[in-house]
C-alpha cells in the first residue's frame, strides 16, 4: 500500500504518519487498521471491541507522553512536532474507537456524531493541529486524553450495568 491514502484518512497533518507508519508500541501502529478497512480489507476492526482495544491505546499514551516530554525538555522542535503528531493521532484513535468506529479524518470530531467525547473536542483538536509545537498543546493533549479516559470509563460502567 505504499503511497496510497484512503480518502477517509487524507489529512495533511497526518500524511507522513499514514504513508510511513511507525509503531507507537509493539501493539499500536497508527491508522494501520483503518488503512486496511478503508482500502476494502473489511474484517472486524479493533474499534468493534473497544473494551479490549481502547485500554491498549491508553497504555501506549503513557509511553508516548514520556517521548513528547523528553522532546520538550531538549527543545528539539522537529522531534516535538513529530511526537505531537503521533500523540494527536493516538488521541483520535482513542476517541473514535471509544465510540466503536474506525478513525475518519474526513469527518473530524465534533461533526461526526460521536457520543463519547470531551467538551469542545473539535476546537481543541484544531488547536493541536494548528500549533503542535507549543508546550500548551502538549498540556491540552494530556487533558483531552484524561477527559476521554473518564468518558470511556463511564461508558463501560453503563454497558456493564445494563448486562
Protein backbone atom coordinates (compact mmCIF):
# COMPACT_ATOMS: atom_id res chain seq x y z
CA UNK A 1 0.00 0.00 0.00
CA UNK A 2 2.91 2.32 -0.41
CA UNK A 3 1.74 5.85 -1.06
CA UNK A 4 -2.00 5.07 -1.17
CA UNK A 5 -4.05 7.09 1.31
CA UNK A 6 -7.76 6.29 1.54
CA UNK A 7 -9.91 9.45 1.29
CA UNK A 8 -11.21 8.88 4.85
CA UNK A 9 -7.63 9.28 6.11
CA UNK A 10 -6.43 12.01 3.77
CA UNK A 11 -5.42 14.88 6.01
CA UNK A 12 -2.24 16.95 5.55
CA UNK A 13 -1.34 16.87 9.27
CA UNK A 14 -1.06 13.06 9.22
CA UNK A 15 0.36 12.38 5.74
CA UNK A 16 3.81 11.27 6.93
CA UNK A 17 2.36 9.03 9.62
CA UNK A 18 -0.05 7.36 7.20
CA UNK A 19 2.39 6.87 4.33
CA UNK A 20 5.20 5.69 6.65
CA UNK A 21 3.51 4.09 9.64
CA UNK A 22 5.68 3.94 12.72
CA UNK A 23 4.68 1.94 15.75
CA UNK A 24 3.90 3.76 18.99
CA UNK A 25 4.36 0.50 20.88
CA UNK A 26 4.64 -3.14 19.82
CA UNK A 27 0.83 -3.33 19.83
CA UNK A 28 -0.11 0.07 18.36
CA UNK A 29 0.65 1.40 14.88
CA UNK A 30 -1.42 4.43 13.99
CA UNK A 31 -4.03 4.09 11.24
CA UNK A 32 -2.90 0.60 10.16
CA UNK A 33 -6.30 -1.00 10.79
CA UNK A 34 -8.11 1.93 9.18
CA UNK A 35 -5.93 1.80 6.05
CA UNK A 36 -6.86 -1.85 5.63
CA UNK A 37 -10.53 -1.19 6.39
CA UNK A 38 -10.92 1.80 4.04
CA UNK A 39 -8.94 0.02 1.31
CA UNK A 40 -11.55 -2.71 1.18
CA UNK A 41 -9.85 -5.10 3.58
CA UNK A 42 -13.02 -5.15 5.67
CA UNK A 43 -12.87 -7.53 8.57
CA UNK A 44 -13.53 -6.84 12.19
CA UNK A 45 -11.51 -3.87 13.36
CA UNK A 46 -10.39 -3.26 16.94
CA UNK A 47 -12.95 -0.44 17.22
CA UNK A 48 -15.62 -3.17 17.33
CA UNK A 49 -14.19 -4.35 20.68
CA UNK A 50 -13.47 -1.06 22.49
CA UNK A 51 -13.39 -2.69 25.94
CA UNK A 52 -10.29 -4.63 24.80
CA UNK A 53 -8.64 -2.24 22.33
CA UNK A 54 -9.03 1.18 23.96
CA UNK A 55 -7.13 0.33 27.19
CA UNK A 56 -4.20 -0.71 24.98
CA UNK A 57 -4.28 2.79 23.42
CA UNK A 58 -4.25 4.46 26.84
CA UNK A 59 -1.24 2.33 27.78
CA UNK A 60 0.50 3.46 24.57
CA UNK A 61 -0.22 7.07 25.58
CA UNK A 62 1.84 6.65 28.75
CA UNK A 63 4.99 5.81 26.78
CA UNK A 64 4.29 8.43 24.10
CA UNK A 65 3.73 11.07 26.80
CA UNK A 66 7.29 10.40 28.01
CA UNK A 67 8.63 10.74 24.46
CA UNK A 68 6.87 14.08 23.97
CA UNK A 69 8.00 15.33 27.38
CA UNK A 70 11.62 14.48 26.55
CA UNK A 71 11.33 16.27 23.19
CA UNK A 72 10.19 19.42 25.00
CA UNK A 73 12.99 19.09 27.59
CA UNK A 74 15.66 19.01 24.90
CA UNK A 75 13.80 21.68 22.87
CA UNK A 76 14.03 19.80 19.59
CA UNK A 77 11.25 21.40 17.52
CA UNK A 78 11.28 18.72 14.79
CA UNK A 79 11.09 15.94 17.38
CA UNK A 80 8.34 17.80 19.25
CA UNK A 81 6.24 18.20 16.11
CA UNK A 82 6.74 14.59 15.09
CA UNK A 83 5.88 13.22 18.54
CA UNK A 84 2.87 15.52 18.90
CA UNK A 85 1.54 14.38 15.51
CA UNK A 86 1.70 10.82 16.81
CA UNK A 87 0.02 11.97 20.02
CA UNK A 88 -2.85 13.66 18.21
CA UNK A 89 -3.24 10.57 16.02
CA UNK A 90 -3.31 8.37 19.10
CA UNK A 91 -5.95 10.59 20.69
CA UNK A 92 -8.10 10.29 17.57
CA UNK A 93 -7.80 6.50 17.81
CA UNK A 94 -8.92 6.64 21.44
CA UNK A 95 -11.77 8.99 20.53
CA UNK A 96 -13.14 7.02 17.58
CA UNK A 97 -12.52 3.52 18.95
CA UNK A 98 -14.21 4.54 22.23
CA UNK A 99 -17.26 5.18 20.09
CA UNK A 100 -16.98 1.87 18.21
CA UNK A 101 -15.87 3.48 14.94
CA UNK A 102 -12.73 3.48 12.79
CA UNK A 103 -10.83 6.76 12.71
CA UNK A 104 -12.11 9.03 9.95
CA UNK A 105 -10.14 12.19 9.39
CA UNK A 106 -12.64 13.29 6.73
CA UNK A 107 -15.27 13.76 9.45
CA UNK A 108 -13.16 15.21 12.21
CA UNK A 109 -14.65 15.03 15.71
CA UNK A 110 -17.43 17.38 16.53
CA UNK A 111 -19.15 16.93 13.19
CA UNK A 112 -19.31 13.15 13.14
CA UNK A 113 -21.87 12.50 15.84
CA UNK A 114 -19.62 10.86 18.40
CA UNK A 115 -21.33 10.46 21.75
CA UNK A 116 -18.30 9.75 23.96
CA UNK A 117 -16.01 12.77 23.71
CA UNK A 118 -14.54 15.63 25.74
CA UNK A 119 -16.15 19.07 25.76
CA UNK A 120 -15.22 21.36 22.86
CA UNK A 121 -13.42 18.45 21.25
CA UNK A 122 -13.34 19.80 17.70
CA UNK A 123 -11.90 23.20 18.67
CA UNK A 124 -9.31 21.64 20.96
CA UNK A 125 -8.13 19.19 18.30
CA UNK A 126 -7.91 22.02 15.80
CA UNK A 127 -5.73 23.94 18.27
CA UNK A 128 -3.37 20.93 18.48
CA UNK A 129 -3.19 20.62 14.70
CA UNK A 130 -2.57 24.35 14.24
CA UNK A 131 0.11 24.56 16.97
CA UNK A 132 1.63 21.15 17.67
CA UNK A 133 4.98 22.55 18.81
CA UNK A 134 3.63 24.62 21.74
CA UNK A 135 4.04 23.25 25.25
CA UNK A 136 0.45 24.29 25.92
CA UNK A 137 -0.60 21.91 23.10
CA UNK A 138 1.10 19.07 24.94
CA UNK A 139 -0.79 20.01 28.12
CA UNK A 140 -4.04 20.20 26.12
CA UNK A 141 -3.41 16.77 24.59
CA UNK A 142 -2.89 15.29 28.06
CA UNK A 143 -6.13 16.88 29.26
CA UNK A 144 -8.03 15.52 26.25
CA UNK A 145 -6.68 12.04 26.96
CA UNK A 146 -7.63 12.29 30.64
CA UNK A 147 -11.14 13.50 29.82
CA UNK A 148 -11.65 10.81 27.19
CA UNK A 149 -10.47 8.18 29.66
CA UNK A 150 -13.12 9.31 32.15
CA UNK A 151 -15.84 9.39 29.48
CA UNK A 152 -14.84 5.92 28.30
CA UNK A 153 -14.91 4.52 31.84
CA UNK A 154 -18.45 5.91 32.30
CA UNK A 155 -19.49 4.23 29.04
CA UNK A 156 -18.01 0.91 30.16
CA UNK A 157 -19.75 1.16 33.53
CA UNK A 158 -23.10 1.76 31.82
CA UNK A 159 -22.59 -1.18 29.46
CA UNK A 160 -21.64 -3.45 32.36
CA UNK A 161 -24.62 -2.28 34.44
CA UNK A 162 -27.06 -2.96 31.59
CA UNK A 163 -25.92 -6.56 31.13
